[in-house]
């Protein structure tokens, strides 16, 4: 017994389908190209460090340093502090100072917060030597104001170089 475009299956003496025989009609499968994509769950928000980097790149587009008013970029690692005065128009670093420099650390060993304060004072001296009266943008690179960052900012703000 066969029906339209397909063989009929006979099930006899089966406990699942009963004792009497029934014919089962199978239709040929159509080739449909359905592609299944795996389920991927992604977080909507960026991580804290990633969002700080994105924010920093956006700020660098807006605030470009010039030779007369450069951008002050500060990086603070777990133990050290690094500061740069950047002229973005000419793509030059006008000043670089870190708490690792021997001229800042001197013979009696300082703590990193005292060294960060010395970095700020040497930055002010470099600004005076380069005839820089203002800083266009203070770029903390998304870092929080810890002890070293505050000591650095206090040394700069005494001389009025920290932008408002």
N, C-alpha and C. Protein backbone atom coordinates (compact mmCIF):
# COMPACT_ATOMS: atom_id res chain seq x y z
N UNK A 1 0.83 -1.16 0.00
CA UNK A 1 0.00 0.00 0.00
C UNK A 1 0.88 1.24 0.00
N UNK A 2 0.77 2.12 -0.96
CA UNK A 2 1.58 3.32 -1.00
C UNK A 2 0.70 4.52 -1.32
N UNK A 3 1.13 5.63 -0.78
CA UNK A 3 0.38 6.86 -0.99
C UNK A 3 1.23 7.84 -1.79
N UNK A 4 0.89 9.06 -1.78
CA UNK A 4 1.49 10.08 -2.63
C UNK A 4 2.98 10.22 -2.33
N UNK A 5 3.81 9.99 -3.33
CA UNK A 5 5.26 10.22 -3.31
C UNK A 5 5.99 9.64 -2.11
N UNK A 6 5.59 8.61 -1.57
CA UNK A 6 6.32 8.05 -0.45
C UNK A 6 5.83 6.69 -0.06
N UNK A 7 6.70 5.89 0.48
CA UNK A 7 6.30 4.56 0.90
C UNK A 7 5.52 4.62 2.20
N UNK A 8 4.70 3.65 2.38
CA UNK A 8 3.93 3.56 3.62
C UNK A 8 4.64 2.60 4.55
N UNK A 9 4.68 2.93 5.80
CA UNK A 9 5.29 2.06 6.80
C UNK A 9 4.20 1.29 7.52
N UNK A 10 4.41 0.02 7.67
CA UNK A 10 3.45 -0.82 8.37
C UNK A 10 4.00 -1.16 9.73
N UNK A 11 3.23 -0.92 10.78
CA UNK A 11 3.61 -1.31 12.13
C UNK A 11 2.64 -2.40 12.58
N UNK A 12 3.18 -3.58 12.79
CA UNK A 12 2.35 -4.70 13.21
C UNK A 12 2.80 -5.15 14.58
N UNK A 13 1.85 -5.55 15.37
CA UNK A 13 2.09 -6.13 16.69
C UNK A 13 3.05 -5.30 17.53
N UNK A 14 2.78 -4.07 17.63
CA UNK A 14 3.61 -3.20 18.43
C UNK A 14 2.83 -2.76 19.65
N UNK A 15 3.50 -2.76 20.78
CA UNK A 15 2.84 -2.37 22.01
C UNK A 15 2.58 -0.86 22.03
N UNK A 16 3.41 -0.11 21.33
CA UNK A 16 3.25 1.34 21.33
C UNK A 16 2.06 1.75 20.48
N UNK A 17 1.93 1.13 19.30
CA UNK A 17 0.89 1.53 18.37
C UNK A 17 -0.36 0.64 18.45
N UNK A 18 -0.34 -0.34 19.29
CA UNK A 18 -1.49 -1.23 19.42
C UNK A 18 -1.30 -2.50 18.60
N UNK A 19 -2.25 -3.39 18.67
CA UNK A 19 -2.15 -4.68 18.00
C UNK A 19 -2.53 -4.57 16.54
N UNK A 20 -3.50 -3.79 16.22
CA UNK A 20 -3.94 -3.70 14.84
C UNK A 20 -2.93 -2.89 14.02
N UNK A 21 -2.88 -3.17 12.74
CA UNK A 21 -1.90 -2.52 11.89
C UNK A 21 -2.46 -1.23 11.32
N UNK A 22 -1.62 -0.21 11.29
CA UNK A 22 -1.97 1.07 10.69
C UNK A 22 -0.87 1.45 9.72
N UNK A 23 -1.21 2.13 8.72
CA UNK A 23 -0.19 2.57 7.78
C UNK A 23 0.24 3.99 8.16
N UNK A 24 1.53 4.26 8.07
CA UNK A 24 2.11 5.55 8.41
C UNK A 24 2.62 6.18 7.13
N UNK A 25 2.18 7.37 6.84
CA UNK A 25 2.56 8.04 5.60
C UNK A 25 3.75 8.95 5.88
N UNK A 26 4.82 8.79 5.12
CA UNK A 26 5.97 9.67 5.28
C UNK A 26 6.12 10.49 4.02
N UNK A 27 6.27 11.77 4.19
CA UNK A 27 6.46 12.67 3.06
C UNK A 27 7.94 12.99 2.93
N UNK A 28 8.44 13.17 1.73
CA UNK A 28 9.86 13.48 1.57
C UNK A 28 10.16 14.85 2.19
N UNK A 29 11.36 14.96 2.82
CA UNK A 29 11.76 16.21 3.47
C UNK A 29 12.17 17.22 2.42
N UNK A 30 11.74 18.43 2.59
CA UNK A 30 12.12 19.48 1.67
C UNK A 30 13.46 20.05 2.11
N UNK A 31 14.32 20.39 1.18
CA UNK A 31 15.62 20.99 1.49
C UNK A 31 15.42 22.48 1.75
N UNK A 32 15.37 22.82 2.97
CA UNK A 32 15.30 24.24 3.34
C UNK A 32 16.59 24.55 4.07
N UNK A 33 17.24 25.58 3.64
CA UNK A 33 18.52 25.93 4.25
C UNK A 33 18.27 26.85 5.43
N UNK A 34 18.05 26.26 6.56
CA UNK A 34 17.89 27.01 7.80
C UNK A 34 19.19 26.87 8.56
N UNK A 35 19.87 27.97 8.73
CA UNK A 35 21.12 27.93 9.48
C UNK A 35 20.83 28.31 10.92
N UNK A 36 21.31 27.51 11.79
CA UNK A 36 21.12 27.79 13.21
C UNK A 36 22.37 28.42 13.77
N UNK A 37 22.19 29.53 14.41
CA UNK A 37 23.32 30.23 15.02
C UNK A 37 23.39 29.83 16.48
N UNK A 38 24.61 29.69 16.99
CA UNK A 38 24.72 29.35 18.41
C UNK A 38 24.30 30.53 19.27
N UNK A 39 23.77 30.23 20.42
CA UNK A 39 23.32 31.25 21.35
C UNK A 39 24.54 31.86 22.04
N UNK A 40 24.74 33.14 21.83
CA UNK A 40 25.87 33.85 22.42
C UNK A 40 25.31 34.94 23.32
N UNK A 41 25.72 34.92 24.56
CA UNK A 41 25.27 35.93 25.51
C UNK A 41 26.42 36.89 25.75
N UNK A 42 26.17 38.15 25.49
CA UNK A 42 27.19 39.17 25.65
C UNK A 42 26.74 40.18 26.70
N UNK A 43 27.71 40.71 27.42
CA UNK A 43 27.41 41.74 28.40
C UNK A 43 27.16 43.06 27.67
N UNK A 44 26.22 43.81 28.15
CA UNK A 44 25.89 45.08 27.49
C UNK A 44 26.89 46.18 27.83
N UNK A 45 27.25 46.27 29.08
CA UNK A 45 28.13 47.34 29.52
C UNK A 45 29.58 46.89 29.42
N UNK A 46 30.47 47.84 29.20
CA UNK A 46 31.89 47.55 29.17
C UNK A 46 32.42 47.43 30.59
N UNK A 47 33.54 46.80 30.71
CA UNK A 47 34.19 46.71 32.01
C UNK A 47 34.65 48.10 32.42
N UNK A 48 35.00 48.26 33.68
CA UNK A 48 35.37 49.57 34.18
C UNK A 48 36.61 50.11 33.47
N UNK A 49 37.61 49.26 33.28
CA UNK A 49 38.83 49.72 32.61
C UNK A 49 38.57 50.02 31.15
N UNK A 50 37.75 49.22 30.49
CA UNK A 50 37.45 49.45 29.09
C UNK A 50 36.70 50.76 28.90
N UNK A 51 35.73 51.05 29.76
CA UNK A 51 34.98 52.29 29.62
C UNK A 51 35.86 53.50 29.90
N UNK A 52 36.85 53.35 30.79
CA UNK A 52 37.78 54.46 31.04
C UNK A 52 38.64 54.71 29.82
N UNK A 53 39.06 53.65 29.13
CA UNK A 53 39.87 53.82 27.92
C UNK A 53 39.06 54.48 26.81
N UNK A 54 37.81 54.06 26.67
CA UNK A 54 36.95 54.65 25.65
C UNK A 54 36.72 56.12 25.93
N UNK A 55 36.46 56.44 27.19
CA UNK A 55 36.25 57.84 27.60
C UNK A 55 37.52 58.66 27.34
N UNK A 56 38.69 58.05 27.62
CA UNK A 56 39.95 58.74 27.44
C UNK A 56 40.20 59.06 25.97
N UNK A 57 39.93 58.12 25.08
CA UNK A 57 40.11 58.35 23.64
C UNK A 57 39.19 59.46 23.15
N UNK A 58 37.96 59.49 23.67
CA UNK A 58 37.02 60.53 23.28
C UNK A 58 37.50 61.90 23.75
N UNK A 59 38.08 61.95 24.95
CA UNK A 59 38.57 63.22 25.48
C UNK A 59 39.80 63.70 24.70
N UNK A 60 40.65 62.77 24.26
CA UNK A 60 41.84 63.16 23.52
C UNK A 60 41.47 63.78 22.18
N UNK A 61 40.34 63.38 21.60
CA UNK A 61 39.90 64.00 20.35
C UNK A 61 39.49 65.45 20.57
N UNK A 62 38.89 65.73 21.72
CA UNK A 62 38.40 67.08 21.99
C UNK A 62 39.52 68.01 22.44
N UNK A 63 40.40 67.54 23.33
CA UNK A 63 41.39 68.39 23.95
C UNK A 63 42.78 68.02 23.41
N UNK A 64 43.26 68.80 22.48
CA UNK A 64 44.59 68.59 21.94
C UNK A 64 45.54 69.60 22.54
N UNK A 65 46.73 69.13 22.89
CA UNK A 65 47.72 70.00 23.46
C UNK A 65 48.45 70.79 22.38
N UNK A 66 48.83 72.01 22.73
CA UNK A 66 49.61 72.86 21.83
C UNK A 66 50.94 73.15 22.51
N UNK A 67 51.90 73.74 21.81
CA UNK A 67 53.18 74.05 22.47
C UNK A 67 53.04 75.04 23.63
N UNK A 68 52.06 75.95 23.56
CA UNK A 68 51.91 76.93 24.64
C UNK A 68 51.03 76.41 25.77
N UNK A 69 50.08 75.50 25.45
CA UNK A 69 49.25 74.90 26.50
C UNK A 69 49.12 73.40 26.22
N UNK A 70 50.07 72.61 26.70
CA UNK A 70 50.06 71.17 26.41
C UNK A 70 49.07 70.41 27.28
N UNK A 71 48.88 69.16 26.90
CA UNK A 71 48.02 68.25 27.67
C UNK A 71 48.89 67.52 28.68
N UNK A 72 48.41 67.45 29.91
CA UNK A 72 49.14 66.75 30.98
C UNK A 72 48.53 65.36 31.13
N UNK A 73 49.31 64.33 30.81
CA UNK A 73 48.85 62.95 30.90
C UNK A 73 49.57 62.27 32.05
N UNK A 74 48.80 61.65 32.95
CA UNK A 74 49.37 61.00 34.13
C UNK A 74 48.93 59.54 34.13
N UNK A 75 49.91 58.65 34.34
CA UNK A 75 49.64 57.22 34.46
C UNK A 75 50.10 56.79 35.84
N UNK A 76 49.27 56.06 36.52
CA UNK A 76 49.58 55.63 37.88
C UNK A 76 49.48 54.10 37.94
N UNK A 77 50.64 53.43 38.08
CA UNK A 77 50.62 51.98 38.21
C UNK A 77 50.42 51.61 39.67
N UNK A 78 50.61 50.34 39.99
CA UNK A 78 50.41 49.91 41.38
C UNK A 78 51.40 50.58 42.33
N UNK A 79 52.62 50.83 41.86
CA UNK A 79 53.64 51.38 42.76
C UNK A 79 54.23 52.71 42.32
N UNK A 80 54.09 53.08 41.06
CA UNK A 80 54.78 54.26 40.55
C UNK A 80 53.80 55.24 39.91
N UNK A 81 54.30 56.44 39.61
CA UNK A 81 53.53 57.49 38.95
C UNK A 81 54.37 58.03 37.79
N UNK A 82 53.76 58.21 36.64
CA UNK A 82 54.43 58.72 35.45
C UNK A 82 53.62 59.91 34.93
N UNK A 83 54.31 61.00 34.58
CA UNK A 83 53.63 62.19 34.08
C UNK A 83 54.31 62.68 32.80
N UNK A 84 53.50 63.16 31.86
CA UNK A 84 54.01 63.69 30.60
C UNK A 84 53.25 64.94 30.20
N UNK A 85 53.98 65.91 29.68
CA UNK A 85 53.37 67.06 29.01
C UNK A 85 53.44 66.78 27.52
N UNK A 86 52.29 66.74 26.85
CA UNK A 86 52.23 66.31 25.46
C UNK A 86 51.75 67.46 24.58
N UNK A 87 52.51 67.70 23.51
CA UNK A 87 52.12 68.64 22.46
C UNK A 87 51.54 67.79 21.34
N UNK A 88 50.21 67.75 21.22
CA UNK A 88 49.55 66.88 20.26
C UNK A 88 49.66 67.42 18.82
N UNK A 89 49.82 68.70 18.65
CA UNK A 89 49.91 69.25 17.30
C UNK A 89 51.21 68.81 16.62
N UNK A 90 52.31 68.89 17.34
CA UNK A 90 53.61 68.49 16.79
C UNK A 90 53.99 67.05 17.16
N UNK A 91 53.13 66.40 17.93
CA UNK A 91 53.35 65.03 18.39
C UNK A 91 54.69 64.88 19.10
N UNK A 92 54.87 65.72 20.13
CA UNK A 92 56.10 65.70 20.91
C UNK A 92 55.77 65.63 22.40
N UNK A 93 56.68 65.05 23.12
CA UNK A 93 56.59 65.02 24.58
C UNK A 93 57.49 66.14 25.10
N UNK A 94 56.91 67.13 25.75
CA UNK A 94 57.68 68.28 26.23
C UNK A 94 58.35 68.00 27.57
N UNK A 95 57.74 67.14 28.38
CA UNK A 95 58.30 66.80 29.69
C UNK A 95 57.91 65.38 30.03
N UNK A 96 58.83 64.66 30.62
CA UNK A 96 58.53 63.32 31.15
C UNK A 96 59.14 63.20 32.52
N UNK A 97 58.36 62.77 33.49
CA UNK A 97 58.86 62.55 34.83
C UNK A 97 58.18 61.35 35.47
N UNK A 98 58.94 60.59 36.22
CA UNK A 98 58.36 59.45 36.92
C UNK A 98 59.01 59.31 38.28
N UNK A 99 58.38 58.54 39.13
CA UNK A 99 58.91 58.32 40.48
C UNK A 99 60.09 57.37 40.46
N UNK A 100 60.44 56.81 39.32
CA UNK A 100 61.58 55.90 39.21
C UNK A 100 62.88 56.62 38.88
N UNK A 101 62.82 57.88 38.46
CA UNK A 101 64.02 58.60 38.07
C UNK A 101 64.92 58.84 39.27
N UNK A 102 66.23 58.69 39.03
CA UNK A 102 67.20 58.84 40.12
C UNK A 102 67.27 60.27 40.63
N UNK A 103 67.04 61.24 39.73
CA UNK A 103 67.08 62.64 40.16
C UNK A 103 65.92 62.96 41.11
N UNK A 104 64.84 62.23 41.02
CA UNK A 104 63.69 62.48 41.89
C UNK A 104 63.80 61.68 43.18
N UNK A 105 64.31 60.47 43.10
CA UNK A 105 64.43 59.61 44.28
C UNK A 105 65.52 60.08 45.24
N UNK A 106 66.61 60.61 44.77
CA UNK A 106 67.73 61.14 45.55
C UNK A 106 68.31 60.09 46.50
N UNK A 107 69.37 60.47 47.24
CA UNK A 107 70.06 59.52 48.12
C UNK A 107 69.22 59.05 49.29
N UNK A 108 68.67 59.93 50.14
CA UNK A 108 67.78 59.36 51.16
C UNK A 108 66.51 58.89 50.48
N UNK A 109 66.21 57.64 50.62
CA UNK A 109 65.06 57.05 49.91
C UNK A 109 63.76 57.71 50.35
N UNK A 110 62.94 58.07 49.36
CA UNK A 110 61.63 58.66 49.61
C UNK A 110 60.57 57.59 49.43
N UNK A 111 59.42 57.84 49.99
CA UNK A 111 58.28 57.00 49.69
C UNK A 111 57.75 57.40 48.31
N UNK A 112 56.88 56.59 47.76
CA UNK A 112 56.38 56.90 46.42
C UNK A 112 55.49 58.15 46.43
N UNK A 113 54.82 58.44 47.53
CA UNK A 113 54.00 59.66 47.58
C UNK A 113 54.90 60.89 47.61
N UNK A 114 56.02 60.84 48.35
CA UNK A 114 56.96 61.97 48.35
C UNK A 114 57.60 62.12 46.98
N UNK A 115 57.91 61.00 46.35
CA UNK A 115 58.50 61.05 45.00
C UNK A 115 57.50 61.62 44.00
N UNK A 116 56.21 61.30 44.16
CA UNK A 116 55.18 61.85 43.27
C UNK A 116 55.08 63.36 43.44
N UNK A 117 55.26 63.82 44.66
CA UNK A 117 55.26 65.26 44.91
C UNK A 117 56.46 65.93 44.23
N UNK A 118 57.61 65.26 44.26
CA UNK A 118 58.79 65.79 43.58
C UNK A 118 58.60 65.80 42.06
N UNK A 119 57.88 64.82 41.53
CA UNK A 119 57.57 64.81 40.09
C UNK A 119 56.73 66.03 39.74
N UNK A 120 55.75 66.36 40.57
CA UNK A 120 54.93 67.55 40.35
C UNK A 120 55.74 68.83 40.39
N UNK A 121 56.68 68.92 41.35
CA UNK A 121 57.52 70.13 41.44
C UNK A 121 58.45 70.25 40.23
N UNK A 122 59.00 69.13 39.77
CA UNK A 122 59.87 69.18 38.59
C UNK A 122 59.06 69.51 37.34
N UNK A 123 57.81 69.10 37.29
CA UNK A 123 56.94 69.46 36.18
C UNK A 123 56.70 70.97 36.16
N UNK A 124 56.49 71.55 37.32
CA UNK A 124 56.27 73.01 37.40
C UNK A 124 57.52 73.74 36.94
N UNK A 125 58.71 73.25 37.36
CA UNK A 125 59.96 73.88 36.92
C UNK A 125 60.13 73.79 35.40
N UNK A 126 59.76 72.65 34.83
CA UNK A 126 59.86 72.49 33.37
C UNK A 126 58.89 73.42 32.66
N UNK A 127 57.69 73.61 33.22
CA UNK A 127 56.71 74.53 32.61
C UNK A 127 57.23 75.96 32.63
N UNK A 128 57.88 76.35 33.72
CA UNK A 128 58.42 77.71 33.80
C UNK A 128 59.55 77.88 32.79
N UNK A 129 60.40 76.85 32.64
CA UNK A 129 61.50 76.93 31.67
C UNK A 129 61.00 76.98 30.23
N UNK A 130 59.89 76.32 29.94
CA UNK A 130 59.34 76.28 28.58
C UNK A 130 58.34 77.41 28.31
N UNK A 131 58.17 78.33 29.25
CA UNK A 131 57.22 79.45 29.14
C UNK A 131 55.79 78.97 28.92
N UNK A 132 55.40 77.97 29.67
CA UNK A 132 54.04 77.44 29.61
C UNK A 132 53.28 78.00 30.81
N UNK A 133 52.18 78.73 30.51
CA UNK A 133 51.41 79.36 31.58
C UNK A 133 50.19 78.56 31.99
N UNK A 134 49.72 77.69 31.11
CA UNK A 134 48.53 76.91 31.43
C UNK A 134 48.61 75.53 30.79
N UNK A 135 47.86 74.61 31.35
CA UNK A 135 47.76 73.26 30.83
C UNK A 135 46.35 73.12 30.26
N UNK A 136 46.25 72.64 29.00
CA UNK A 136 44.95 72.61 28.35
C UNK A 136 44.02 71.56 28.95
N UNK A 137 44.56 70.40 29.28
CA UNK A 137 43.71 69.32 29.78
C UNK A 137 44.52 68.42 30.68
N UNK A 138 43.93 68.06 31.81
CA UNK A 138 44.56 67.15 32.77
C UNK A 138 43.97 65.77 32.55
N UNK A 139 44.77 64.85 32.04
CA UNK A 139 44.32 63.53 31.64
C UNK A 139 44.82 62.51 32.66
N UNK A 140 43.89 62.00 33.50
CA UNK A 140 44.27 61.02 34.52
C UNK A 140 44.19 59.59 34.01
N UNK A 141 43.77 59.40 32.75
CA UNK A 141 43.64 58.07 32.15
C UNK A 141 42.68 57.17 32.91
N UNK A 142 41.68 57.72 33.54
CA UNK A 142 40.68 56.94 34.24
C UNK A 142 41.09 56.45 35.60
N UNK A 143 42.23 56.88 36.11
CA UNK A 143 42.69 56.41 37.41
C UNK A 143 42.05 57.23 38.53
N UNK A 144 41.77 56.58 39.64
CA UNK A 144 41.20 57.26 40.79
C UNK A 144 42.29 58.08 41.49
N UNK A 145 41.86 59.03 42.29
CA UNK A 145 42.82 59.86 43.01
C UNK A 145 43.26 59.16 44.28
N UNK A 146 44.36 58.45 44.17
CA UNK A 146 44.94 57.79 45.34
C UNK A 146 45.91 58.73 46.03
N UNK A 147 46.74 58.18 46.91
CA UNK A 147 47.69 59.01 47.66
C UNK A 147 48.73 59.65 46.74
N UNK A 148 49.29 58.85 45.82
CA UNK A 148 50.31 59.38 44.93
C UNK A 148 49.74 60.43 43.99
N UNK A 149 48.54 60.18 43.47
CA UNK A 149 47.91 61.13 42.55
C UNK A 149 47.59 62.43 43.28
N UNK A 150 47.12 62.35 44.52
CA UNK A 150 46.80 63.57 45.28
C UNK A 150 48.06 64.36 45.61
N UNK A 151 49.15 63.68 45.96
CA UNK A 151 50.40 64.38 46.24
C UNK A 151 50.90 65.10 45.00
N UNK A 152 50.78 64.46 43.84
CA UNK A 152 51.17 65.06 42.57
C UNK A 152 50.30 66.29 42.26
N UNK A 153 48.98 66.15 42.44
CA UNK A 153 48.06 67.25 42.16
C UNK A 153 48.27 68.43 43.11
N UNK A 154 48.58 68.14 44.36
CA UNK A 154 48.81 69.23 45.32
C UNK A 154 50.04 70.04 44.93
N UNK A 155 51.10 69.37 44.47
CA UNK A 155 52.31 70.08 44.07
C UNK A 155 52.05 70.97 42.86
N UNK A 156 51.21 70.52 41.96
CA UNK A 156 50.91 71.32 40.76
C UNK A 156 49.95 72.46 41.08
N UNK A 157 48.94 72.18 41.90
CA UNK A 157 47.93 73.20 42.18
C UNK A 157 48.47 74.36 43.01
N UNK A 158 49.56 74.15 43.74
CA UNK A 158 50.18 75.26 44.48
C UNK A 158 50.62 76.38 43.55
N UNK A 159 51.04 76.00 42.34
CA UNK A 159 51.52 76.98 41.38
C UNK A 159 50.46 77.37 40.36
N UNK A 160 49.27 76.84 40.46
CA UNK A 160 48.17 77.23 39.58
C UNK A 160 48.20 76.59 38.21
N UNK A 161 48.87 75.44 38.07
CA UNK A 161 48.93 74.79 36.78
C UNK A 161 47.84 73.77 36.56
N UNK A 162 47.11 73.42 37.56
CA UNK A 162 46.04 72.43 37.40
C UNK A 162 44.82 73.10 36.81
N UNK A 163 44.36 72.67 35.63
CA UNK A 163 43.21 73.33 35.01
C UNK A 163 41.94 73.05 35.76
N UNK A 164 41.01 73.95 35.70
CA UNK A 164 39.73 73.80 36.41
C UNK A 164 38.72 73.12 35.55
